[in-house]
Amino acid sequence: MFKFKTRPYAHQLEAFKKTAAQKNWALFMDMGTGKSKVIIDTLAWLSVKKYIRGALIVAPKGVYMNWIDQELPTHFPDLERPPLIHYWTAGATVAQRRVQDAFTAKRPVQDKRLKIMVMNVEAFSGGSGETYAKSFLQANGPAAFIIDESTTIKNHKSKRTKAILKLAPFAEYKRILSGNPSPNGPLDLFSQGWFLDPKLLGMKSWYEYRNRFCLLKVQHMGPRSFQVVTGYRNLDELGDKLSHFSTRVRKDECLDLPPKIYQIREVELTAEQRLAYKDMKRDAYVELDGMGTVTATAVITKMLRLHQIVMGRIPLDEEGGMINLPSHRMDALMDTVAEVQDPKVIIWANYRPDIMGIQAALAAAYGKESVVSYWGDTSRAQRPEVIKQFQDAQSPVRFIVGNAMVGGWGVNLSRSHTSIYFSNDYNLDKRMQSEARPDRIGQEADHILYIDLIAKGTVDEKIVRALRDKLDISSAVLKDNWREWLV
């Protein structure tokens, strides 16, 4: 028997009680409703019952380290035998490889500890990740296999989906987690359901599934002909099938959630960013060490230079010259947007190139009419119309992209209850004002979700933590050793 480490909300407790003993289940729970905690409590319960000895958690790059750094330490119950937890990386050091190998070694019978391995889903696009996962599941069976953000396996033709589907039979218990399991339509659900158990959907193949739930027509292109999807059918039947192995939780139905929910999406730096960051940090140390008195302004200036590298640019001079670097940040934003169920979404960015890039990416993915911007380049004459379009529930505008300098004051964005921070600056007042934009008269949701994209172990993380703790960074830098801020 175990006690919850953190008290579950009513909807989490209901989901846990309903699903803990199930072999295969889907948790389709909106962002911010705490599906990770339901899974963690389930793994602990299964371990106490001696139903499992291992658990493999697979999640996207921007999410998987959250399990290691936040979710598992925060929520995993205090058991008599604490679990062993580690994460897999292709570029493991000798010490990391030793630990990884220990998780796949043959276990003595008396070793009763639960072993939890966390992997990023991208690892399954090549052979090494699949090989390791198979060894882990075989060495720690009976095991649970969890796919977080399960739309990452929605493409039945992709290498990683095929690899994960091959591994599914090696697990006794399987779970998929998603806030938006079918962003592009019913076809997205096939491989997610197939992972849990091919029998659940009642179809023998992807083609049978497609033919059952899609309207098709033959299209000719030169000598070739192929079928294209023109619409969907039998969706009530599909919904009935899903209801037998899934739990749906919507944020607006959770009465006991806190009014403000904060989440983090990690963004991994590219090799080019890591090298540039290391060089810039070294130069900053040399310059500040050479100053007689280090001022807060000097430290913050260096922080902003480092932050620009995190955003994907190397500052060349004081006049604003930049070199672009490869970056995963836009991909992380688009992945996050795909999971959000809110029909209206606010996106904040600190730098001009980012605002323009975000608007272009959203327009390409969702249509030009889906996005408007509100920042320095938005004329005063245009601004009221931009807000009007965003606030209109019937308008095709779903996204508003802005910076806190212009959009953070005065405007009412109460039609949205999701704000994504592509980037922040160090100004606490701007952050607080921008957080208040959806929290206005007219807000119908009981809970507002704030999501920060951060690069772990950089000034990016330091800035977000300070702002969430309501710290004025200018004042804090003066009180602390400046080296604590240039991480």
Protein backbone atom coordinates (compact mmCIF):
# COMPACT_ATOMS: atom_id res chain seq x y z
CA MET A 1 0.00 0.00 0.00
CA PHE A 2 1.20 3.54 -0.63
CA LYS A 3 0.06 7.06 0.07
CA PHE A 4 -0.01 9.73 -2.60
CA LYS A 5 3.01 11.99 -2.31
CA THR A 6 1.06 14.94 -3.65
CA ARG A 7 -2.67 15.17 -3.21
CA PRO A 8 -4.49 14.44 -6.48
CA TYR A 9 -7.20 16.73 -7.78
CA ALA A 10 -10.64 15.15 -8.05
CA HIS A 11 -10.33 14.45 -11.79
CA GLN A 12 -6.86 12.91 -11.28
CA LEU A 13 -8.13 10.64 -8.50
CA GLU A 14 -11.07 9.56 -10.65
CA ALA A 15 -8.78 8.78 -13.59
CA PHE A 16 -6.37 6.88 -11.34
CA LYS A 17 -9.10 4.73 -9.81
CA LYS A 18 -10.61 3.99 -13.20
CA THR A 19 -7.41 3.14 -15.05
CA ALA A 20 -4.70 1.92 -12.65
CA ALA A 21 -5.48 -1.77 -13.08
CA GLN A 22 -6.13 -1.57 -16.81
CA LYS A 23 -3.60 -3.27 -19.08
CA ASN A 24 -3.91 -0.74 -21.90
CA TRP A 25 -5.33 2.77 -21.61
CA ALA A 26 -5.29 6.22 -23.19
CA LEU A 27 -5.31 9.37 -21.07
CA PHE A 28 -6.58 12.13 -23.34
CA MET A 29 -6.25 14.98 -20.85
CA ASP A 30 -5.89 18.65 -21.72
CA MET A 31 -2.60 20.42 -21.13
CA GLY A 32 -2.42 21.56 -17.53
CA THR A 33 -4.74 18.90 -16.10
CA GLY A 34 -1.90 16.76 -14.72
CA LYS A 35 -1.88 13.53 -16.69
CA SER A 36 1.77 12.89 -15.73
CA LYS A 37 0.79 12.60 -12.06
CA VAL A 38 -1.92 10.05 -12.89
CA ILE A 39 0.68 7.92 -14.65
CA ILE A 40 3.23 8.27 -11.84
CA ASP A 41 0.69 7.22 -9.22
CA THR A 42 -0.30 4.32 -11.46
CA LEU A 43 3.30 3.14 -11.82
CA ALA A 44 3.78 3.29 -8.05
CA TRP A 45 0.57 1.32 -7.46
CA LEU A 46 1.53 -1.31 -10.04
CA SER A 47 4.95 -1.61 -8.42
CA VAL A 48 3.50 -2.04 -4.92
CA LYS A 49 1.15 -4.70 -6.26
CA LYS A 50 4.20 -6.40 -7.84
CA TYR A 51 2.57 -6.23 -11.24
CA ILE A 52 5.59 -4.50 -12.81
CA ARG A 53 9.35 -4.35 -12.25
CA GLY A 54 10.18 -1.75 -14.87
CA ALA A 55 8.69 1.26 -16.64
CA LEU A 56 9.79 2.81 -19.93
CA ILE A 57 8.61 6.39 -20.44
CA VAL A 58 9.02 7.82 -23.94
CA ALA A 59 8.43 11.52 -24.60
CA PRO A 60 9.53 14.24 -27.06
CA LYS A 61 12.80 16.11 -26.55
CA GLY A 62 11.08 19.15 -25.04
CA VAL A 63 9.24 17.03 -22.50
CA TYR A 64 11.20 13.92 -21.53
CA MET A 65 13.63 15.61 -19.09
CA ASN A 66 10.66 17.14 -17.26
CA TRP A 67 9.91 13.60 -16.07
CA ILE A 68 13.40 13.35 -14.57
CA ASP A 69 13.73 16.87 -13.20
CA GLN A 70 10.19 17.66 -12.08
CA GLU A 71 7.41 15.14 -12.44
CA LEU A 72 8.92 11.99 -10.88
CA PRO A 73 10.71 13.75 -7.97
CA THR A 74 7.57 15.76 -7.20
CA HIS A 75 4.89 13.08 -7.44
CA PHE A 76 6.36 9.59 -7.03
CA PRO A 77 5.17 8.25 -3.64
CA ASP A 78 7.63 7.42 -0.87
CA LEU A 79 7.90 3.64 -1.06
CA GLU A 80 9.83 1.25 1.14
CA ARG A 81 12.06 0.58 -1.85
CA PRO A 82 12.47 3.83 -3.82
CA PRO A 83 12.60 3.41 -7.60
CA LEU A 84 15.79 3.67 -9.63
CA ILE A 85 15.34 6.39 -12.24
CA HIS A 86 17.56 7.29 -15.17
CA TYR A 87 17.39 8.65 -18.72
CA TRP A 88 18.87 7.39 -21.95
CA THR A 89 21.06 9.49 -24.21
CA ALA A 90 22.86 8.53 -27.39
CA GLY A 91 25.84 10.69 -26.46
CA ALA A 92 26.27 9.18 -22.99
CA THR A 93 29.48 9.70 -21.05
CA VAL A 94 31.31 6.66 -19.71
CA ALA A 95 29.62 7.13 -16.33
CA GLN A 96 26.17 7.57 -17.90
CA ARG A 97 26.67 4.51 -20.09
CA ARG A 98 27.57 2.48 -17.04
CA VAL A 99 24.26 3.43 -15.41
CA GLN A 100 22.31 2.81 -18.61
CA ASP A 101 23.88 -0.64 -18.92
CA ALA A 102 22.98 -1.44 -15.31
CA PHE A 103 19.31 -0.86 -16.19
CA THR A 104 19.44 -3.63 -18.79
CA ALA A 105 21.53 -6.12 -16.81
CA LYS A 106 20.00 -9.34 -15.53
CA ARG A 107 18.50 -8.69 -12.11
CA PRO A 108 18.81 -10.89 -9.03
CA VAL A 109 15.49 -12.26 -7.80
CA GLN A 110 15.75 -10.30 -4.55
CA ASP A 111 16.00 -6.96 -6.37
CA LYS A 112 12.45 -5.66 -5.98
CA ARG A 113 13.06 -2.02 -6.87
CA LEU A 114 11.13 -0.48 -9.75
CA LYS A 115 13.42 0.70 -12.53
CA ILE A 116 12.21 3.66 -14.56
CA MET A 117 13.96 4.59 -17.80
CA VAL A 118 13.04 7.80 -19.63
CA MET A 119 13.84 8.14 -23.33
CA ASN A 120 13.16 10.75 -25.99
CA VAL A 121 10.99 9.58 -28.87
CA GLU A 122 13.51 10.79 -31.43
CA ALA A 123 15.84 7.99 -30.27
CA PHE A 124 13.57 5.49 -32.01
CA SER A 125 14.26 6.94 -35.45
CA GLY A 126 17.56 5.01 -35.45
CA GLY A 127 18.58 1.55 -34.35
CA SER A 128 20.36 2.27 -31.05
CA GLY A 129 17.33 3.60 -29.19
CA GLU A 130 15.12 0.71 -30.26
CA THR A 131 17.79 -1.84 -29.31
CA TYR A 132 18.26 -0.34 -25.87
CA ALA A 133 14.52 -0.07 -25.18
CA LYS A 134 14.02 -3.71 -26.10
CA SER A 135 16.83 -4.76 -23.75
CA PHE A 136 15.35 -2.68 -20.95
CA LEU A 137 11.84 -4.12 -21.34
CA GLN A 138 13.17 -7.67 -21.49
CA ALA A 139 15.44 -7.24 -18.45
CA ASN A 140 12.75 -5.61 -16.32
CA GLY A 141 9.60 -7.47 -17.19
CA PRO A 142 6.81 -7.44 -16.51
CA ALA A 143 7.03 -3.78 -17.51
CA ALA A 144 4.94 -0.73 -18.31
CA PHE A 145 5.45 1.25 -21.50
CA ILE A 146 4.30 4.89 -21.55
CA ILE A 147 4.16 7.19 -24.59
CA ASP A 148 3.83 10.83 -23.53
CA GLU A 149 2.54 13.24 -26.20
CA SER A 150 1.47 10.19 -28.17
CA THR A 151 0.76 12.14 -31.36
CA THR A 152 4.50 11.72 -31.93
CA ILE A 153 3.62 8.22 -33.17
CA LYS A 154 0.56 9.23 -35.21
CA ASN A 155 2.36 8.65 -38.52
CA HIS A 156 2.15 4.90 -39.05
CA LYS A 157 4.84 5.06 -41.75
CA SER A 158 7.56 6.78 -39.70
CA LYS A 159 10.61 4.86 -38.47
CA ARG A 160 10.01 5.72 -34.83
CA THR A 161 6.36 4.65 -34.96
CA LYS A 162 7.29 1.32 -36.55
CA ALA A 163 10.03 0.79 -33.95
CA ILE A 164 7.72 1.56 -31.02
CA LEU A 165 4.95 -0.67 -32.37
CA LYS A 166 7.46 -3.52 -32.63
CA LEU A 167 8.40 -3.01 -28.97
CA ALA A 168 4.84 -2.78 -27.64
CA PRO A 169 4.36 -6.57 -27.17
CA PHE A 170 7.30 -6.61 -24.71
CA ALA A 171 5.27 -4.60 -22.15
CA GLU A 172 2.45 -5.89 -19.96
CA TYR A 173 0.95 -2.47 -19.32
CA LYS A 174 0.78 0.33 -21.88
CA ARG A 175 -0.39 3.93 -21.72
CA ILE A 176 -0.62 6.80 -24.20
CA LEU A 177 -0.94 10.42 -23.08
CA SER A 178 -2.13 13.35 -25.15
CA GLY A 179 -4.12 16.54 -24.81
CA ASN A 180 -5.04 16.52 -28.49
CA PRO A 181 -4.76 12.98 -29.87
CA SER A 182 -6.11 13.69 -33.37
CA PRO A 183 -4.97 17.16 -34.50
CA ASN A 184 -5.30 16.25 -38.18
CA GLY A 185 -8.30 13.94 -38.01
CA PRO A 186 -9.20 10.32 -37.19
CA LEU A 187 -6.24 8.80 -39.06
CA ASP A 188 -3.96 10.16 -36.30
CA LEU A 189 -5.55 7.72 -33.86
CA PHE A 190 -4.71 4.50 -35.66
CA SER A 191 -1.11 3.86 -34.58
CA GLN A 192 -1.79 5.24 -31.09
CA GLY A 193 -4.54 2.68 -30.59
CA TRP A 194 -2.50 -0.05 -32.32
CA PHE A 195 0.33 0.57 -29.83
CA LEU A 196 -2.00 -0.16 -26.92
CA ASP A 197 -3.50 -3.28 -28.53
CA PRO A 198 -4.35 -3.94 -32.18
CA LYS A 199 -7.62 -5.53 -31.08
CA LEU A 200 -8.96 -2.35 -29.47
CA LEU A 201 -9.86 -0.66 -32.75
CA GLY A 202 -11.30 -3.86 -34.21
CA MET A 203 -9.32 -3.47 -37.44
CA LYS A 204 -6.79 -5.82 -38.99
CA SER A 205 -4.74 -3.15 -40.75
CA TRP A 206 -4.30 0.57 -41.36
CA TYR A 207 -6.02 0.20 -44.74
CA GLU A 208 -9.10 -1.39 -43.19
CA TYR A 209 -9.17 1.40 -40.59
CA ARG A 210 -8.83 4.10 -43.26
CA ASN A 211 -11.53 2.56 -45.44
CA ARG A 212 -13.90 2.32 -42.48
CA PHE A 213 -13.59 5.89 -41.24
CA CYS A 214 -12.58 7.91 -44.32
CA LEU A 215 -14.29 9.02 -47.50
CA LEU A 216 -11.94 8.29 -50.40
CA LYS A 217 -11.66 9.14 -54.03
CA VAL A 218 -9.24 8.06 -56.72
CA GLN A 219 -6.93 10.80 -57.97
CA HIS A 220 -4.86 10.48 -61.14
CA MET A 221 -1.44 11.99 -61.70
CA GLY A 222 0.00 11.04 -65.04
CA PRO A 223 0.20 7.25 -65.29
CA ARG A 224 -0.23 6.85 -61.54
CA SER A 225 -3.46 6.76 -59.55
CA PHE A 226 -3.95 6.81 -55.79
CA GLN A 227 -6.63 7.33 -53.17
CA VAL A 228 -7.01 10.59 -51.25
CA VAL A 229 -9.12 11.32 -48.18
CA THR A 230 -11.94 13.78 -48.85
CA GLY A 231 -13.81 13.48 -45.56
CA TYR A 232 -14.72 11.18 -42.66
CA ARG A 233 -17.54 8.84 -41.75
CA ASN A 234 -18.67 6.46 -38.99
CA LEU A 235 -17.19 8.79 -36.37
CA ASP A 236 -19.81 7.81 -33.78
CA GLU A 237 -18.59 4.23 -34.13
CA LEU A 238 -14.97 5.36 -33.68
CA GLY A 239 -15.93 7.42 -30.64
CA ASP A 240 -17.63 4.38 -29.11
CA LYS A 241 -14.51 2.27 -29.64
CA LEU A 242 -12.31 4.93 -28.02
CA SER A 243 -14.60 5.21 -25.01
CA HIS A 244 -13.76 1.62 -24.05
CA PHE A 245 -10.05 2.31 -23.57
CA SER A 246 -9.65 6.05 -22.97
CA THR A 247 -10.34 8.76 -20.44
CA ARG A 248 -11.08 12.29 -21.67
CA VAL A 249 -10.48 15.23 -19.31
CA ARG A 250 -11.02 18.81 -20.40
CA LYS A 251 -9.52 21.67 -18.44
CA ASP A 252 -12.77 23.63 -18.25
CA GLU A 253 -14.42 20.64 -16.54
CA CYS A 254 -11.86 20.48 -13.70
CA LEU A 255 -13.39 22.57 -10.96
CA ASP A 256 -10.56 22.23 -8.42
CA LEU A 257 -7.57 23.24 -10.55
CA PRO A 258 -5.69 26.37 -9.45
CA PRO A 259 -6.63 29.55 -11.35
CA LYS A 260 -3.12 29.81 -12.83
CA ILE A 261 -1.21 26.78 -14.11
CA TYR A 262 2.45 27.02 -15.09
CA GLN A 263 4.25 24.55 -17.34
CA ILE A 264 7.69 24.30 -18.94
CA ARG A 265 8.69 22.94 -22.32
CA GLU A 266 12.41 22.33 -22.58
CA VAL A 267 14.25 23.25 -25.77
CA GLU A 268 17.52 21.44 -26.40
CA LEU A 269 20.35 23.62 -27.71
CA THR A 270 21.98 22.63 -30.97
CA ALA A 271 25.71 21.89 -31.06
CA GLU A 272 26.29 25.28 -32.69
CA GLN A 273 24.36 27.05 -29.92
CA ARG A 274 26.23 25.19 -27.18
CA LEU A 275 29.61 26.17 -28.65
CA ALA A 276 28.63 29.81 -29.15
CA TYR A 277 27.15 29.96 -25.65
CA LYS A 278 30.32 28.54 -24.10
CA ASP A 279 32.50 31.08 -25.93
CA MET A 280 30.23 34.03 -25.07
CA LYS A 281 30.07 33.00 -21.41
CA ARG A 282 33.87 32.72 -21.22
CA ASP A 283 34.30 36.19 -22.77
CA ALA A 284 31.71 37.64 -20.37
CA TYR A 285 33.60 36.27 -17.36
CA VAL A 286 36.87 37.77 -18.60
CA GLU A 287 35.30 41.18 -19.23
CA LEU A 288 33.39 41.38 -15.96
CA ASP A 289 36.36 40.11 -13.94
CA GLY A 290 38.36 42.99 -15.39
CA MET A 291 35.90 45.62 -14.21
CA GLY A 292 36.58 47.42 -10.96
CA THR A 293 32.92 47.45 -9.96
CA VAL A 294 30.47 45.11 -11.68
CA THR A 295 27.10 46.81 -12.19
CA ALA A 296 23.71 45.20 -12.62
CA THR A 297 23.47 46.80 -16.07
CA ALA A 298 26.73 45.17 -17.15
CA VAL A 299 25.61 41.73 -15.96
CA ILE A 300 22.18 42.02 -17.56
CA THR A 301 23.75 43.10 -20.85
CA LYS A 302 25.83 39.91 -20.85
CA MET A 303 22.76 37.88 -19.91
CA LEU A 304 20.88 39.27 -22.89
CA ARG A 305 23.77 38.42 -25.22
CA LEU A 306 23.69 34.85 -23.93
CA HIS A 307 19.91 34.81 -24.24
CA GLN A 308 20.12 35.80 -27.89
CA ILE A 309 22.30 32.75 -28.53
CA VAL A 310 19.68 30.60 -26.81
CA MET A 311 17.15 32.10 -29.24
CA GLY A 312 19.34 31.10 -32.20
CA ARG A 313 21.42 34.19 -32.96
CA ILE A 314 24.98 35.35 -32.25
CA PRO A 315 25.16 39.09 -31.57
CA LEU A 316 28.07 40.55 -33.55
CA ASP A 317 28.16 44.17 -32.42
CA GLU A 318 26.36 46.83 -30.41
CA GLU A 319 24.52 48.00 -33.56
CA GLY A 320 22.47 44.82 -33.67
CA GLY A 321 24.31 42.72 -36.23
CA MET A 322 23.46 39.01 -35.93
CA ILE A 323 24.39 35.60 -37.30
CA ASN A 324 21.62 33.01 -37.28
CA LEU A 325 22.30 29.65 -35.63
CA PRO A 326 20.45 26.34 -36.04
CA SER A 327 17.80 26.12 -33.31
CA HIS A 328 15.05 23.74 -32.16
CA ARG A 329 12.95 26.49 -30.60
CA MET A 330 10.45 27.01 -33.42
CA ASP A 331 9.89 23.25 -33.63
CA ALA A 332 9.23 23.18 -29.88
CA LEU A 333 6.69 25.98 -30.24
CA MET A 334 4.84 24.26 -33.07
CA ASP A 335 4.77 20.97 -31.15
CA THR A 336 3.35 22.81 -28.14
CA VAL A 337 0.72 24.62 -30.20
CA ALA A 338 -0.40 21.29 -31.68
CA GLU A 339 -1.20 20.02 -28.16
CA VAL A 340 -3.19 23.08 -27.06
CA GLN A 341 -6.96 22.73 -27.18
CA ASP A 342 -7.75 26.41 -26.57
CA PRO A 343 -9.37 27.91 -29.70
CA LYS A 344 -7.45 31.15 -29.01
CA VAL A 345 -3.75 31.24 -28.07
CA ILE A 346 -1.46 34.11 -27.04
CA ILE A 347 2.23 33.84 -27.94
CA TRP A 348 4.77 36.24 -26.44
CA ALA A 349 8.24 36.76 -27.91
CA ASN A 350 10.96 39.20 -26.98
CA TYR A 351 12.80 39.75 -30.25
CA ARG A 352 11.73 41.13 -33.61
CA PRO A 353 13.03 38.22 -35.78
CA ASP A 354 11.20 35.74 -33.56
CA ILE A 355 7.85 37.52 -33.83
CA MET A 356 8.12 37.60 -37.60
CA GLY A 357 9.28 33.96 -37.73
CA ILE A 358 6.48 32.75 -35.45
CA GLN A 359 3.84 34.53 -37.50
CA ALA A 360 5.19 32.99 -40.69
CA ALA A 361 5.35 29.48 -39.19
CA LEU A 362 1.78 29.65 -37.85
CA ALA A 363 0.49 31.04 -41.15
CA ALA A 364 2.16 28.20 -43.04
CA ALA A 365 0.74 25.54 -40.71
CA TYR A 366 -2.74 26.90 -39.97
CA GLY A 367 -3.44 29.46 -42.70
CA LYS A 368 -2.63 33.14 -43.07
CA GLU A 369 -5.99 34.15 -41.63
CA SER A 370 -5.33 32.24 -38.39
CA VAL A 371 -2.71 34.63 -36.98
CA VAL A 372 -2.38 38.32 -36.18
CA SER A 373 0.43 40.24 -34.48
CA TYR A 374 0.50 43.06 -31.93
CA TRP A 375 3.89 44.69 -31.48
CA GLY A 376 5.98 47.69 -32.50
CA ASP A 377 5.33 47.25 -36.23
CA THR A 378 1.57 47.14 -35.67
CA SER A 379 0.32 50.68 -36.30
CA ARG A 380 -1.88 52.38 -33.74
CA ALA A 381 -4.67 52.44 -36.29
CA GLN A 382 -4.45 48.66 -36.77
CA ARG A 383 -4.24 47.68 -33.12
CA PRO A 384 -7.94 47.94 -32.15
CA GLU A 385 -8.92 45.81 -35.16
CA VAL A 386 -6.30 43.17 -34.28
CA ILE A 387 -7.73 42.84 -30.76
CA LYS A 388 -11.29 42.80 -32.09
CA GLN A 389 -10.49 39.93 -34.47
CA PHE A 390 -8.77 37.91 -31.76
CA GLN A 391 -11.60 38.45 -29.26
CA ASP A 392 -14.28 37.50 -31.79
CA ALA A 393 -15.22 33.85 -31.24
CA GLN A 394 -16.44 33.62 -34.86
CA SER A 395 -13.24 35.04 -36.34
CA PRO A 396 -10.77 32.65 -38.05
CA VAL A 397 -8.01 34.29 -36.01
CA ARG A 398 -6.70 31.74 -33.50
CA PHE A 399 -3.26 33.13 -32.62
CA ILE A 400 -2.00 36.52 -31.57
CA VAL A 401 1.78 37.02 -31.52
CA GLY A 402 3.18 39.97 -29.65
CA ASN A 403 5.79 41.31 -27.31
CA ALA A 404 5.14 42.39 -23.76
CA MET A 405 6.54 45.87 -24.38
CA VAL A 406 3.57 46.75 -26.60
CA GLY A 407 0.93 44.09 -25.99
CA GLY A 408 1.48 43.61 -22.28
CA TRP A 409 -0.35 46.73 -21.18
CA GLY A 410 -4.02 47.62 -21.30
CA VAL A 411 -5.35 45.21 -23.93
CA ASN A 412 -8.01 42.62 -23.16
CA LEU A 413 -7.24 39.10 -24.45
CA SER A 414 -9.81 37.31 -22.30
CA ARG A 415 -10.95 35.10 -25.17
CA SER A 416 -7.82 32.98 -24.58
CA HIS A 417 -6.85 30.93 -21.56
CA THR A 418 -3.45 29.79 -22.89
CA SER A 419 -0.31 31.94 -23.08
CA ILE A 420 2.94 30.59 -24.52
CA TYR A 421 6.18 32.45 -23.82
CA PHE A 422 8.53 31.82 -26.72
CA SER A 423 10.97 34.06 -24.86
CA ASN A 424 11.14 36.49 -21.93
CA ASP A 425 13.30 39.43 -21.05
CA TYR A 426 14.41 40.30 -17.50
CA ASN A 427 11.64 42.81 -16.73
CA LEU A 428 9.25 41.56 -14.02
CA ASP A 429 6.65 44.25 -14.66
CA LYS A 430 6.36 43.22 -18.32
CA ARG A 431 5.88 39.59 -17.37
CA MET A 432 3.21 40.35 -14.79
CA GLN A 433 1.38 42.66 -17.16
CA SER A 434 1.47 40.14 -19.98
CA GLU A 435 0.15 37.40 -17.66
CA ALA A 436 -2.76 39.69 -16.84
CA ARG A 437 -3.90 40.08 -20.49
CA PRO A 438 -6.10 36.95 -20.51
CA ASP A 439 -7.01 37.35 -16.84
CA ARG A 440 -9.55 40.10 -17.47
CA ILE A 441 -13.26 40.74 -17.21
CA GLY A 442 -14.86 38.46 -19.77
CA GLN A 443 -12.59 35.48 -19.07
CA GLU A 444 -14.92 32.48 -19.01
CA ALA A 445 -12.36 29.80 -18.13
CA ASP A 446 -11.65 28.97 -14.49
CA HIS A 447 -7.98 28.27 -15.22
CA ILE A 448 -5.33 30.03 -17.28
CA LEU A 449 -2.33 28.09 -18.60
CA TYR A 450 1.10 29.71 -18.96
CA ILE A 451 3.76 27.73 -20.86
CA ASP A 452 7.42 28.79 -20.97
CA LEU A 453 9.86 27.45 -23.54
CA ILE A 454 13.27 27.24 -21.87
CA ALA A 455 16.75 25.92 -22.57
CA LYS A 456 17.79 24.14 -19.41
CA GLY A 457 21.06 25.15 -17.75
CA THR A 458 21.20 28.57 -19.43
CA VAL A 459 20.26 32.16 -18.59
CA ASP A 460 16.94 31.32 -20.25
CA GLU A 461 16.05 29.05 -17.32
CA LYS A 462 17.42 31.55 -14.80
CA ILE A 463 15.26 34.36 -16.21
CA VAL A 464 12.05 32.31 -16.20
CA ARG A 465 12.58 31.04 -12.65
CA ALA A 466 13.20 34.58 -11.40
CA LEU A 467 10.11 35.95 -13.13
CA ARG A 468 7.91 33.13 -11.83
CA ASP A 469 9.24 33.80 -8.33
CA LYS A 470 8.31 37.47 -8.82
CA LEU A 471 11.94 38.58 -8.54
CA ASP A 472 13.10 41.86 -10.02
CA ILE A 473 16.24 40.68 -11.76
CA SER A 474 17.93 44.09 -11.74
CA SER A 475 17.71 44.20 -7.96
CA ALA A 476 18.55 40.52 -7.48
CA VAL A 477 21.73 40.79 -9.56
CA LEU A 478 23.03 43.50 -7.22
CA LYS A 479 22.40 41.33 -4.15
CA ASP A 480 23.86 38.10 -5.53
CA ASN A 481 27.24 37.12 -6.86
CA TRP A 482 26.96 38.00 -10.57
CA ARG A 483 28.40 34.60 -11.51
CA GLU A 484 25.16 33.00 -10.26
CA TRP A 485 23.31 34.73 -13.09
CA LEU A 486 25.68 33.87 -15.94
CA VAL A 487 25.01 30.12 -15.89
